[in-house]
């Protein structure tokens, strides 16, 4: 139980860090070079982790690292970068909150994980909260940004479950480093061809890249993949609902976006959905059921003991009664 709590808290670092990306990218990084933004997010972070871990891929992990890096890093980062430039941070991060349901479906088909009632209910409650927050937004929505966010969510959901399927025999640090380096290398020639040479960045932009690369990428993905290795995929996906909550809070505090009452209610539902889907909740629910079941049985027993002596006696007790008046008892 203690280990699950610890991994839940560690995993929560990732969506909180990712929720802050929308505000940082939208405020400090140029909008006309999303591919270079993705390269400079993935490749430096991966190289740092690779230097720390000092372990290269072997065998099938050379192509697996490229596949996972392309899905989870290259395409995902580019789509998130586009969405960050076209949508308010709160809306962009809230669209990603559909990921838990999609991850549960992928995990059921690819990993054989059961679709349990509480995680599914938690995902439904969390999704309702996201809908409330999204519907309350007063800012105009650019549907190109919506499509970019939806595509990023679908790719990430599939890629994260694929990491859980393939990554059971690899330790956490190299598993994360290989994907980041692979994704950055795949995207580098694409960025050169599509956007030309790397653009120049001023001081605030360099600080933003350092924040996004080290905190929101290297540290966040270590925490996230650690959660995937130690928790069910659906449970990890539900913790990801902290992403939109962080996006809404930071969008309100730093970007001047308006927080409406309906959004606050939606945030509460999101947090409730996260709680419902955690493994530690199931034993508590079972314990409550057993407790109420014992109370029900004991209450029935007390009612029987309080029953009247003759009219309420059972048939067996009436059969044991003496058949003749005055017969001696044995």
C-alpha atoms as a PDB file:
ATOM      1  CA  UNK A   1       0.000   0.000   0.000  1.00  0.00           C
ATOM      2  CA  UNK A   2       2.799   2.424   0.923  1.00  0.00           C
ATOM      3  CA  UNK A   3       4.609   1.701  -2.349  1.00  0.00           C
ATOM      4  CA  UNK A   4       1.463   2.480  -4.347  1.00  0.00           C
ATOM      5  CA  UNK A   5       1.051   5.800  -2.534  1.00  0.00           C
ATOM      6  CA  UNK A   6       4.676   6.631  -3.275  1.00  0.00           C
ATOM      7  CA  UNK A   7       4.368   5.842  -6.975  1.00  0.00           C
ATOM      8  CA  UNK A   8       1.118   7.778  -7.217  1.00  0.00           C
ATOM      9  CA  UNK A   9       2.845  10.877  -5.827  1.00  0.00           C
ATOM     10  CA  UNK A  10       5.897  10.407  -8.054  1.00  0.00           C
ATOM     11  CA  UNK A  11       3.728   9.919 -11.140  1.00  0.00           C
ATOM     12  CA  UNK A  12       1.806  13.111 -10.331  1.00  0.00           C
ATOM     13  CA  UNK A  13       4.964  15.134 -11.036  1.00  0.00           C
ATOM     14  CA  UNK A  14       4.540  14.446 -14.765  1.00  0.00           C
ATOM     15  CA  UNK A  15       1.055  15.873 -15.448  1.00  0.00           C
ATOM     16  CA  UNK A  16       1.738  18.874 -13.218  1.00  0.00           C
ATOM     17  CA  UNK A  17       4.890  19.603 -15.215  1.00  0.00           C
ATOM     18  CA  UNK A  18       3.114  19.045 -18.527  1.00  0.00           C
ATOM     19  CA  UNK A  19       0.230  21.281 -17.504  1.00  0.00           C
ATOM     20  CA  UNK A  20       2.703  24.123 -17.067  1.00  0.00           C
ATOM     21  CA  UNK A  21       4.104  23.664 -20.581  1.00  0.00           C
ATOM     22  CA  UNK A  22       1.210  25.400 -22.301  1.00  0.00           C
ATOM     23  CA  UNK A  23       1.752  28.642 -20.423  1.00  0.00           C
ATOM     24  CA  UNK A  24       5.556  28.584 -20.757  1.00  0.00           C
ATOM     25  CA  UNK A  25       5.611  27.663 -24.462  1.00  0.00           C
ATOM     26  CA  UNK A  26       2.865  30.114 -25.381  1.00  0.00           C
ATOM     27  CA  UNK A  27       4.508  32.986 -23.507  1.00  0.00           C
ATOM     28  CA  UNK A  28       8.227  32.604 -24.274  1.00  0.00           C
ATOM     29  CA  UNK A  29       8.821  30.474 -27.384  1.00  0.00           C
ATOM     30  CA  UNK A  30       8.257  31.491 -31.033  1.00  0.00           C
ATOM     31  CA  UNK A  31       5.129  30.231 -32.748  1.00  0.00           C
ATOM     32  CA  UNK A  32       6.668  29.738 -36.204  1.00  0.00           C
ATOM     33  CA  UNK A  33       9.098  26.894 -35.371  1.00  0.00           C
ATOM     34  CA  UNK A  34       7.171  24.069 -33.644  1.00  0.00           C
ATOM     35  CA  UNK A  35       9.444  21.341 -35.015  1.00  0.00           C
ATOM     36  CA  UNK A  36      12.594  22.982 -33.679  1.00  0.00           C
ATOM     37  CA  UNK A  37      10.818  23.514 -30.388  1.00  0.00           C
ATOM     38  CA  UNK A  38      10.126  19.776 -30.207  1.00  0.00           C
ATOM     39  CA  UNK A  39      13.725  18.879 -31.155  1.00  0.00           C
ATOM     40  CA  UNK A  40      15.169  21.174 -28.503  1.00  0.00           C
ATOM     41  CA  UNK A  41      12.811  19.734 -25.949  1.00  0.00           C
ATOM     42  CA  UNK A  42      13.554  16.053 -26.587  1.00  0.00           C
ATOM     43  CA  UNK A  43      17.172  15.749 -27.706  1.00  0.00           C
ATOM     44  CA  UNK A  44      19.003  17.697 -24.953  1.00  0.00           C
ATOM     45  CA  UNK A  45      16.879  16.071 -22.235  1.00  0.00           C
ATOM     46  CA  UNK A  46      17.563  12.615 -23.658  1.00  0.00           C
ATOM     47  CA  UNK A  47      21.308  13.230 -23.935  1.00  0.00           C
ATOM     48  CA  UNK A  48      21.461  14.363 -20.305  1.00  0.00           C
ATOM     49  CA  UNK A  49      19.687  11.191 -19.154  1.00  0.00           C
ATOM     50  CA  UNK A  50      21.858   9.053 -21.449  1.00  0.00           C
ATOM     51  CA  UNK A  51      25.022  10.520 -19.919  1.00  0.00           C
ATOM     52  CA  UNK A  52      23.694   9.830 -16.443  1.00  0.00           C
ATOM     53  CA  UNK A  53      22.548   6.279 -17.219  1.00  0.00           C
ATOM     54  CA  UNK A  54      25.518   5.351 -19.487  1.00  0.00           C
ATOM     55  CA  UNK A  55      23.688   2.487 -21.175  1.00  0.00           C
ATOM     56  CA  UNK A  56      23.025   2.015 -24.901  1.00  0.00           C
ATOM     57  CA  UNK A  57      20.202  -0.037 -26.437  1.00  0.00           C
ATOM     58  CA  UNK A  58      20.784  -3.667 -27.397  1.00  0.00           C
ATOM     59  CA  UNK A  59      19.116  -5.885 -29.980  1.00  0.00           C
ATOM     60  CA  UNK A  60      15.489  -5.026 -30.686  1.00  0.00           C
ATOM     61  CA  UNK A  61      15.683  -1.923 -28.524  1.00  0.00           C
ATOM     62  CA  UNK A  62      17.426   0.009 -31.294  1.00  0.00           C
ATOM     63  CA  UNK A  63      14.286   0.014 -33.447  1.00  0.00           C
ATOM     64  CA  UNK A  64      11.925   0.026 -30.466  1.00  0.00           C
ATOM     65  CA  UNK A  65      13.555   3.217 -29.199  1.00  0.00           C
ATOM     66  CA  UNK A  66      12.986   4.853 -32.594  1.00  0.00           C
ATOM     67  CA  UNK A  67       9.347   3.726 -32.730  1.00  0.00           C
ATOM     68  CA  UNK A  68       8.559   4.836 -29.179  1.00  0.00           C
ATOM     69  CA  UNK A  69      10.561   8.026 -29.616  1.00  0.00           C
ATOM     70  CA  UNK A  70       8.647   8.904 -32.768  1.00  0.00           C
ATOM     71  CA  UNK A  71       5.251   8.284 -31.164  1.00  0.00           C
ATOM     72  CA  UNK A  72       5.815   9.592 -27.642  1.00  0.00           C
ATOM     73  CA  UNK A  73       8.293  12.352 -28.362  1.00  0.00           C
ATOM     74  CA  UNK A  74       8.641  13.554 -31.980  1.00  0.00           C
ATOM     75  CA  UNK A  75       5.031  13.628 -33.130  1.00  0.00           C
ATOM     76  CA  UNK A  76       3.648  14.295 -29.666  1.00  0.00           C
ATOM     77  CA  UNK A  77       5.912  17.265 -28.904  1.00  0.00           C
ATOM     78  CA  UNK A  78       5.300  18.853 -32.300  1.00  0.00           C
ATOM     79  CA  UNK A  79       1.519  18.534 -31.925  1.00  0.00           C
ATOM     80  CA  UNK A  80       1.574  19.892 -28.364  1.00  0.00           C
ATOM     81  CA  UNK A  81       3.709  22.823 -29.541  1.00  0.00           C
ATOM     82  CA  UNK A  82       1.178  23.631 -32.277  1.00  0.00           C
ATOM     83  CA  UNK A  83      -1.734  23.329 -29.844  1.00  0.00           C
ATOM     84  CA  UNK A  84       0.022  25.601 -27.348  1.00  0.00           C
ATOM     85  CA  UNK A  85       0.262  28.349 -29.965  1.00  0.00           C
ATOM     86  CA  UNK A  86      -3.344  28.041 -31.189  1.00  0.00           C
ATOM     87  CA  UNK A  87      -5.302  27.406 -27.970  1.00  0.00           C
ATOM     88  CA  UNK A  88      -5.488  28.893 -24.473  1.00  0.00           C
ATOM     89  CA  UNK A  89      -3.449  26.819 -22.022  1.00  0.00           C
ATOM     90  CA  UNK A  90      -6.539  25.695 -20.104  1.00  0.00           C
ATOM     91  CA  UNK A  91      -8.357  24.343 -23.177  1.00  0.00           C
ATOM     92  CA  UNK A  92      -5.273  22.695 -24.696  1.00  0.00           C
ATOM     93  CA  UNK A  93      -4.470  20.832 -21.487  1.00  0.00           C
ATOM     94  CA  UNK A  94      -8.100  19.842 -20.863  1.00  0.00           C
ATOM     95  CA  UNK A  95      -8.397  18.064 -24.206  1.00  0.00           C
ATOM     96  CA  UNK A  96      -5.532  15.834 -23.135  1.00  0.00           C
ATOM     97  CA  UNK A  97      -7.640  14.697 -20.166  1.00  0.00           C
ATOM     98  CA  UNK A  98      -9.547  12.278 -22.404  1.00  0.00           C
ATOM     99  CA  UNK A  99      -6.370  10.180 -22.418  1.00  0.00           C
ATOM    100  CA  UNK A 100      -7.255   7.981 -19.368  1.00  0.00           C
ATOM    101  CA  UNK A 101     -10.260   6.453 -21.102  1.00  0.00           C
ATOM    102  CA  UNK A 102      -8.292   5.870 -24.296  1.00  0.00           C
ATOM    103  CA  UNK A 103      -5.403   4.369 -22.310  1.00  0.00           C
ATOM    104  CA  UNK A 104      -7.781   1.971 -20.533  1.00  0.00           C
ATOM    105  CA  UNK A 105      -9.111   0.752 -23.869  1.00  0.00           C
ATOM    106  CA  UNK A 106      -5.609   0.281 -25.288  1.00  0.00           C
ATOM    107  CA  UNK A 107      -4.469  -1.475 -22.086  1.00  0.00           C
ATOM    108  CA  UNK A 108      -7.446  -3.839 -22.214  1.00  0.00           C
ATOM    109  CA  UNK A 109      -6.690  -4.853 -25.808  1.00  0.00           C
ATOM    110  CA  UNK A 110      -2.863  -4.800 -25.702  1.00  0.00           C
ATOM    111  CA  UNK A 111      -2.067  -5.825 -22.110  1.00  0.00           C
ATOM    112  CA  UNK A 112      -5.161  -7.733 -21.049  1.00  0.00           C
ATOM    113  CA  UNK A 113      -5.858  -5.353 -18.152  1.00  0.00           C
ATOM    114  CA  UNK A 114      -9.403  -5.668 -16.846  1.00  0.00           C
ATOM    115  CA  UNK A 115     -11.760  -2.727 -17.192  1.00  0.00           C
ATOM    116  CA  UNK A 116     -12.678  -2.415 -13.510  1.00  0.00           C
ATOM    117  CA  UNK A 117     -15.739  -0.499 -12.438  1.00  0.00           C
ATOM    118  CA  UNK A 118     -14.044   2.081 -10.195  1.00  0.00           C
ATOM    119  CA  UNK A 119     -11.361   3.220 -12.691  1.00  0.00           C
ATOM    120  CA  UNK A 120     -13.969   3.419 -15.454  1.00  0.00           C
ATOM    121  CA  UNK A 121     -16.247   5.421 -13.151  1.00  0.00           C
ATOM    122  CA  UNK A 122     -13.311   7.643 -12.232  1.00  0.00           C
ATOM    123  CA  UNK A 123     -12.531   8.246 -15.894  1.00  0.00           C
ATOM    124  CA  UNK A 124     -16.184   9.093 -16.582  1.00  0.00           C
ATOM    125  CA  UNK A 125     -16.348  11.515 -13.639  1.00  0.00           C
ATOM    126  CA  UNK A 126     -13.059  13.097 -14.675  1.00  0.00           C
ATOM    127  CA  UNK A 127     -14.214  13.445 -18.261  1.00  0.00           C
ATOM    128  CA  UNK A 128     -17.413  15.114 -17.060  1.00  0.00           C
ATOM    129  CA  UNK A 129     -15.270  17.559 -15.132  1.00  0.00           C
ATOM    130  CA  UNK A 130     -13.223  18.272 -18.248  1.00  0.00           C
ATOM    131  CA  UNK A 131     -16.393  18.888 -20.253  1.00  0.00           C
ATOM    132  CA  UNK A 132     -17.605  21.356 -17.619  1.00  0.00           C
ATOM    133  CA  UNK A 133     -14.308  23.218 -17.645  1.00  0.00           C
ATOM    134  CA  UNK A 134     -14.117  23.275 -21.446  1.00  0.00           C
ATOM    135  CA  UNK A 135     -17.741  24.379 -21.878  1.00  0.00           C
ATOM    136  CA  UNK A 136     -17.199  27.238 -19.444  1.00  0.00           C
ATOM    137  CA  UNK A 137     -14.397  28.796 -21.452  1.00  0.00           C
ATOM    138  CA  UNK A 138     -15.199  32.197 -22.873  1.00  0.00           C
ATOM    139  CA  UNK A 139     -12.238  32.350 -25.286  1.00  0.00           C
ATOM    140  CA  UNK A 140     -12.745  31.588 -28.971  1.00  0.00           C
ATOM    141  CA  UNK A 141     -11.498  28.121 -29.939  1.00  0.00           C
ATOM    142  CA  UNK A 142      -9.227  27.528 -32.918  1.00  0.00           C
ATOM    143  CA  UNK A 143     -10.233  24.094 -34.186  1.00  0.00           C
ATOM    144  CA  UNK A 144      -6.806  23.519 -35.740  1.00  0.00           C
ATOM    145  CA  UNK A 145      -5.456  23.585 -32.211  1.00  0.00           C
ATOM    146  CA  UNK A 146      -8.216  21.230 -31.070  1.00  0.00           C
ATOM    147  CA  UNK A 147      -7.295  18.730 -33.800  1.00  0.00           C
ATOM    148  CA  UNK A 148      -3.619  18.972 -32.843  1.00  0.00           C
ATOM    149  CA  UNK A 149      -4.462  18.292 -29.185  1.00  0.00           C
ATOM    150  CA  UNK A 150      -6.711  15.337 -30.040  1.00  0.00           C
ATOM    151  CA  UNK A 151      -4.034  13.804 -32.260  1.00  0.00           C
ATOM    152  CA  UNK A 152      -1.407  14.282 -29.540  1.00  0.00           C
ATOM    153  CA  UNK A 153      -3.690  12.649 -26.963  1.00  0.00           C
ATOM    154  CA  UNK A 154      -4.407   9.598 -29.139  1.00  0.00           C
ATOM    155  CA  UNK A 155      -0.749   9.075 -30.049  1.00  0.00           C
ATOM    156  CA  UNK A 156       0.427   9.446 -26.459  1.00  0.00           C
ATOM    157  CA  UNK A 157      -2.223   7.053 -25.122  1.00  0.00           C
ATOM    158  CA  UNK A 158      -1.151   4.347 -27.562  1.00  0.00           C
ATOM    159  CA  UNK A 159       2.553   5.026 -27.068  1.00  0.00           C
ATOM    160  CA  UNK A 160       2.379   4.931 -23.268  1.00  0.00           C
ATOM    161  CA  UNK A 161       0.649   1.549 -23.288  1.00  0.00           C
ATOM    162  CA  UNK A 162       3.246   0.319 -25.777  1.00  0.00           C
ATOM    163  CA  UNK A 163       5.984   1.405 -23.340  1.00  0.00           C
ATOM    164  CA  UNK A 164       4.358  -0.697 -20.619  1.00  0.00           C
ATOM    165  CA  UNK A 165       4.173  -3.677 -22.983  1.00  0.00           C
ATOM    166  CA  UNK A 166       7.757  -3.464 -24.214  1.00  0.00           C
ATOM    167  CA  UNK A 167       9.585  -1.881 -21.301  1.00  0.00           C
ATOM    168  CA  UNK A 168       9.191  -4.425 -18.507  1.00  0.00           C
ATOM    169  CA  UNK A 169      12.761  -5.751 -18.964  1.00  0.00           C
ATOM    170  CA  UNK A 170      14.494  -2.343 -19.120  1.00  0.00           C
ATOM    171  CA  UNK A 171      15.317  -0.084 -16.188  1.00  0.00           C
ATOM    172  CA  UNK A 172      13.658   3.302 -15.952  1.00  0.00           C
ATOM    173  CA  UNK A 173      16.527   5.674 -16.764  1.00  0.00           C
ATOM    174  CA  UNK A 174      17.671   4.128 -20.081  1.00  0.00           C
ATOM    175  CA  UNK A 175      14.058   3.465 -21.109  1.00  0.00           C
ATOM    176  CA  UNK A 176      13.357   7.192 -20.862  1.00  0.00           C
ATOM    177  CA  UNK A 177      16.678   8.331 -22.338  1.00  0.00           C
ATOM    178  CA  UNK A 178      16.461   6.109 -25.432  1.00  0.00           C
ATOM    179  CA  UNK A 179      13.015   7.375 -26.335  1.00  0.00           C
ATOM    180  CA  UNK A 180      13.977  11.025 -25.954  1.00  0.00           C
ATOM    181  CA  UNK A 181      17.170  10.658 -27.989  1.00  0.00           C
ATOM    182  CA  UNK A 182      15.430   8.528 -30.619  1.00  0.00           C
ATOM    183  CA  UNK A 183      12.574  10.990 -30.930  1.00  0.00           C
ATOM    184  CA  UNK A 184      14.913  13.958 -31.169  1.00  0.00           C
ATOM    185  CA  UNK A 185      17.053  12.309 -33.862  1.00  0.00           C
ATOM    186  CA  UNK A 186      13.998  11.375 -35.926  1.00  0.00           C
ATOM    187  CA  UNK A 187      12.661  14.921 -35.762  1.00  0.00           C
ATOM    188  CA  UNK A 188      15.968  16.745 -36.385  1.00  0.00           C
ATOM    189  CA  UNK A 189      16.138  16.260 -40.201  1.00  0.00           C
ATOM    190  CA  UNK A 190      12.424  16.966 -40.485  1.00  0.00           C
ATOM    191  CA  UNK A 191      12.905  20.283 -38.689  1.00  0.00           C
ATOM    192  CA  UNK A 192      15.848  21.185 -40.932  1.00  0.00           C
ATOM    193  CA  UNK A 193      13.891  20.456 -44.107  1.00  0.00           C
ATOM    194  CA  UNK A 194      10.615  22.050 -43.028  1.00  0.00           C
ATOM    195  CA  UNK A 195      11.793  25.058 -41.020  1.00  0.00           C
ATOM    196  CA  UNK A 196      15.384  25.637 -42.109  1.00  0.00           C
ATOM    197  CA  UNK A 197      18.266  26.295 -39.709  1.00  0.00           C
ATOM    198  CA  UNK A 198      17.648  26.452 -35.999  1.00  0.00           C
ATOM    199  CA  UNK A 199      16.170  29.837 -35.063  1.00  0.00           C
ATOM    200  CA  UNK A 200      17.856  32.178 -32.654  1.00  0.00           C
ATOM    201  CA  UNK A 201      16.505  32.358 -29.112  1.00  0.00           C
ATOM    202  CA  UNK A 202      16.798  35.246 -26.673  1.00  0.00           C
ATOM    203  CA  UNK A 203      17.466  34.887 -22.958  1.00  0.00           C
ATOM    204  CA  UNK A 204      13.871  34.271 -21.813  1.00  0.00           C
ATOM    205  CA  UNK A 205      13.370  31.733 -24.614  1.00  0.00           C
ATOM    206  CA  UNK A 206      16.540  29.866 -23.619  1.00  0.00           C
ATOM    207  CA  UNK A 207      15.355  29.789 -20.008  1.00  0.00           C
ATOM    208  CA  UNK A 208      11.991  28.465 -21.180  1.00  0.00           C
ATOM    209  CA  UNK A 209      13.709  25.738 -23.228  1.00  0.00           C
ATOM    210  CA  UNK A 210      15.800  24.748 -20.211  1.00  0.00           C
ATOM    211  CA  UNK A 211      12.677  24.545 -18.046  1.00  0.00           C
ATOM    212  CA  UNK A 212      10.722  22.552 -20.622  1.00  0.00           C
ATOM    213  CA  UNK A 213      13.652  20.230 -21.354  1.00  0.00           C
ATOM    214  CA  UNK A 214      14.852  19.448 -17.838  1.00  0.00           C
ATOM    215  CA  UNK A 215      11.724  19.691 -15.701  1.00  0.00           C
ATOM    216  CA  UNK A 216       8.800  19.125 -18.056  1.00  0.00           C
ATOM    217  CA  UNK A 217      10.582  16.473 -20.119  1.00  0.00           C
ATOM    218  CA  UNK A 218      13.496  14.664 -18.445  1.00  0.00           C
ATOM    219  CA  UNK A 219      12.121  14.637 -14.895  1.00  0.00           C
ATOM    220  CA  UNK A 220       8.484  14.380 -15.953  1.00  0.00           C
ATOM    221  CA  UNK A 221       9.001  11.375 -18.221  1.00  0.00           C
ATOM    222  CA  UNK A 222      11.087   9.589 -15.610  1.00  0.00           C
ATOM    223  CA  UNK A 223       8.181   9.992 -13.196  1.00  0.00           C
ATOM    224  CA  UNK A 224       5.569   9.002 -15.792  1.00  0.00           C
ATOM    225  CA  UNK A 225       7.316   5.884 -17.073  1.00  0.00           C
ATOM    226  CA  UNK A 226       7.996   4.892 -13.466  1.00  0.00           C
ATOM    227  CA  UNK A 227       4.264   5.053 -12.858  1.00  0.00           C
ATOM    228  CA  UNK A 228       3.589   2.964 -15.965  1.00  0.00           C
ATOM    229  CA  UNK A 229       6.012   0.285 -14.743  1.00  0.00           C
ATOM    230  CA  UNK A 230       4.544   0.114 -11.224  1.00  0.00           C
ATOM    231  CA  UNK A 231       0.836   0.968 -11.626  1.00  0.00           C
ATOM    232  CA  UNK A 232      -1.914  -0.186 -14.015  1.00  0.00           C
ATOM    233  CA  UNK A 233      -1.979   1.807 -17.243  1.00  0.00           C
ATOM    234  CA  UNK A 234      -5.503   3.074 -16.584  1.00  0.00           C
ATOM    235  CA  UNK A 235      -4.563   4.236 -13.094  1.00  0.00           C
ATOM    236  CA  UNK A 236      -1.546   6.097 -14.434  1.00  0.00           C
ATOM    237  CA  UNK A 237      -3.716   7.689 -17.089  1.00  0.00           C
ATOM    238  CA  UNK A 238      -6.133   8.951 -14.437  1.00  0.00           C
ATOM    239  CA  UNK A 239      -3.293  10.654 -12.574  1.00  0.00           C
ATOM    240  CA  UNK A 240      -2.685  12.451 -15.856  1.00  0.00           C
ATOM    241  CA  UNK A 241      -5.927  14.352 -15.233  1.00  0.00           C
ATOM    242  CA  UNK A 242      -3.841  16.672 -13.067  1.00  0.00           C
ATOM    243  CA  UNK A 243      -2.630  18.088 -16.388  1.00  0.00           C
ATOM    244  CA  UNK A 244      -5.787  20.129 -17.121  1.00  0.00           C
ATOM    245  CA  UNK A 245      -6.110  21.205 -13.498  1.00  0.00           C
ATOM    246  CA  UNK A 246      -2.573  22.592 -13.640  1.00  0.00           C
ATOM    247  CA  UNK A 247      -3.259  24.218 -16.994  1.00  0.00           C
ATOM    248  CA  UNK A 248      -6.389  25.952 -15.693  1.00  0.00           C
ATOM    249  CA  UNK A 249      -4.706  27.150 -12.491  1.00  0.00           C
ATOM    250  CA  UNK A 250      -1.604  28.491 -14.246  1.00  0.00           C
ATOM    251  CA  UNK A 251      -3.640  29.971 -17.075  1.00  0.00           C
ATOM    252  CA  UNK A 252      -5.650  31.867 -14.474  1.00  0.00           C
ATOM    253  CA  UNK A 253      -2.715  32.958 -12.306  1.00  0.00           C
ATOM    254  CA  UNK A 254      -0.118  33.753 -14.978  1.00  0.00           C
ATOM    255  CA  UNK A 255      -1.873  34.279 -18.308  1.00  0.00           C
ATOM    256  CA  UNK A 256      -4.851  36.314 -17.095  1.00  0.00           C
ATOM    257  CA  UNK A 257      -7.432  33.737 -18.202  1.00  0.00           C
ATOM    258  CA  UNK A 258     -10.758  33.862 -16.374  1.00  0.00           C
ATOM    259  CA  UNK A 259     -11.679  31.061 -13.947  1.00  0.00           C
ATOM    260  CA  UNK A 260     -15.452  30.646 -13.849  1.00  0.00           C
ATOM    261  CA  UNK A 261     -17.537  28.830 -11.250  1.00  0.00           C
ATOM    262  CA  UNK A 262     -18.375  26.029 -13.646  1.00  0.00           C
ATOM    263  CA  UNK A 263     -14.672  25.441 -14.226  1.00  0.00           C
ATOM    264  CA  UNK A 264     -14.100  25.193 -10.472  1.00  0.00           C
ATOM    265  CA  UNK A 265     -16.833  22.535 -10.221  1.00  0.00           C
ATOM    266  CA  UNK A 266     -15.237  20.696 -13.131  1.00  0.00           C
ATOM    267  CA  UNK A 267     -11.863  20.754 -11.388  1.00  0.00           C
ATOM    268  CA  UNK A 268     -13.461  19.190  -8.311  1.00  0.00           C
ATOM    269  CA  UNK A 269     -14.936  16.407 -10.434  1.00  0.00           C
ATOM    270  CA  UNK A 270     -11.564  15.802 -12.068  1.00  0.00           C
ATOM    271  CA  UNK A 271      -9.914  15.357  -8.667  1.00  0.00           C
ATOM    272  CA  UNK A 272     -12.720  13.018  -7.575  1.00  0.00           C
ATOM    273  CA  UNK A 273     -12.260  10.974 -10.747  1.00  0.00           C
ATOM    274  CA  UNK A 274      -8.528  10.627 -10.061  1.00  0.00           C
ATOM    275  CA  UNK A 275      -9.243   9.405  -6.536  1.00  0.00           C
ATOM    276  CA  UNK A 276     -11.848   6.861  -7.641  1.00  0.00           C
ATOM    277  CA  UNK A 277      -9.490   5.191 -10.075  1.00  0.00           C
ATOM    278  CA  UNK A 278      -6.570   4.573  -7.711  1.00  0.00           C
ATOM    279  CA  UNK A 279      -5.796   0.976  -6.599  1.00  0.00           C
ATOM    280  CA  UNK A 280      -5.808   1.955  -2.926  1.00  0.00           C
ATOM    281  CA  UNK A 281      -9.508   2.817  -3.139  1.00  0.00           C
ATOM    282  CA  UNK A 282     -10.644  -0.712  -4.058  1.00  0.00           C
ATOM    283  CA  UNK A 283      -9.569  -2.351  -0.743  1.00  0.00           C
ATOM    284  CA  UNK A 284     -11.282   0.476   1.151  1.00  0.00           C
ATOM    285  CA  UNK A 285     -14.528  -0.089  -0.757  1.00  0.00           C
ATOM    286  CA  UNK A 286     -14.346  -3.832  -0.129  1.00  0.00           C
ATOM    287  CA  UNK A 287     -13.703  -3.217   3.565  1.00  0.00           C
ATOM    288  CA  UNK A 288     -16.741  -0.953   3.798  1.00  0.00           C
ATOM    289  CA  UNK A 289     -18.870  -3.591   2.082  1.00  0.00           C
ATOM    290  CA  UNK A 290     -17.735  -6.260   4.556  1.00  0.00           C
ATOM    291  CA  UNK A 291     -18.348  -3.928   7.491  1.00  0.00           C
ATOM    292  CA  UNK A 292     -21.862  -3.069   6.367  1.00  0.00           C
ATOM    293  CA  UNK A 293     -22.517  -6.726   5.599  1.00  0.00           C
ATOM    294  CA  UNK A 294     -21.546  -7.758   9.143  1.00  0.00           C
ATOM    295  CA  UNK A 295     -23.688  -4.992  10.560  1.00  0.00           C
ATOM    296  CA  UNK A 296     -26.639  -6.213   8.528  1.00  0.00           C
ATOM    297  CA  UNK A 297     -26.186  -9.804   9.744  1.00  0.00           C
ATOM    298  CA  UNK A 298     -25.853  -8.753  13.392  1.00  0.00           C
ATOM    299  CA  UNK A 299     -28.946  -6.546  13.106  1.00  0.00           C
ATOM    300  CA  UNK A 300     -30.971  -9.495  11.805  1.00  0.00           C
ATOM    301  CA  UNK A 301     -29.703 -11.617  14.704  1.00  0.00           C
ATOM    302  CA  UNK A 302     -30.808  -9.019  17.248  1.00  0.00           C
ATOM    303  CA  UNK A 303     -34.250  -8.885  15.664  1.00  0.00           C
ATOM    304  CA  UNK A 304     -34.590 -12.674  15.974  1.00  0.00           C
ATOM    305  CA  UNK A 305     -33.548 -12.612  19.627  1.00  0.00           C
ATOM    306  CA  UNK A 306     -36.156  -9.962  20.360  1.00  0.00           C
ATOM    307  CA  UNK A 307     -38.938 -12.012  18.681  1.00  0.00           C
ATOM    308  CA  UNK A 308     -42.005 -13.093  20.883  1.00  0.00           C
ATOM    309  CA  UNK A 309     -41.808 -16.497  22.538  1.00  0.00           C
ATOM    310  CA  UNK A 310     -44.737 -18.389  20.891  1.00  0.00           C
ATOM    311  CA  UNK A 311     -46.145 -16.645  17.840  1.00  0.00           C
ATOM    312  CA  UNK A 312     -42.722 -15.909  16.411  1.00  0.00           C
ATOM    313  CA  UNK A 313     -41.097 -19.248  17.205  1.00  0.00           C
ATOM    314  CA  UNK A 314     -39.755 -21.297  14.360  1.00  0.00           C
ATOM    315  CA  UNK A 315     -41.337 -24.514  13.176  1.00  0.00           C
ATOM    316  CA  UNK A 316     -38.414 -26.483  14.552  1.00  0.00           C
ATOM    317  CA  UNK A 317     -38.953 -25.086  18.051  1.00  0.00           C
ATOM    318  CA  UNK A 318     -42.658 -25.875  17.849  1.00  0.00           C
ATOM    319  CA  UNK A 319     -41.847 -29.466  16.833  1.00  0.00           C
ATOM    320  CA  UNK A 320     -39.627 -29.801  19.892  1.00  0.00           C
ATOM    321  CA  UNK A 321     -42.525 -28.846  22.189  1.00  0.00           C
ATOM    322  CA  UNK A 322     -44.040 -31.695  24.344  1.00  0.00           C
ATOM    323  CA  UNK A 323     -46.892 -33.478  22.565  1.00  0.00           C
ATOM    324  CA  UNK A 324     -48.961 -34.321  25.726  1.00  0.00           C
ATOM    325  CA  UNK A 325     -49.950 -31.935  28.431  1.00  0.00           C
ATOM    326  CA  UNK A 326     -48.174 -32.723  31.652  1.00  0.00           C
ATOM    327  CA  UNK A 327     -45.565 -35.033  30.059  1.00  0.00           C
ATOM    328  CA  UNK A 328     -42.324 -34.987  32.027  1.00  0.00           C
ATOM    329  CA  UNK A 329     -39.401 -33.306  30.401  1.00  0.00           C
ATOM    330  CA  UNK A 330     -36.220 -35.254  29.793  1.00  0.00           C
END
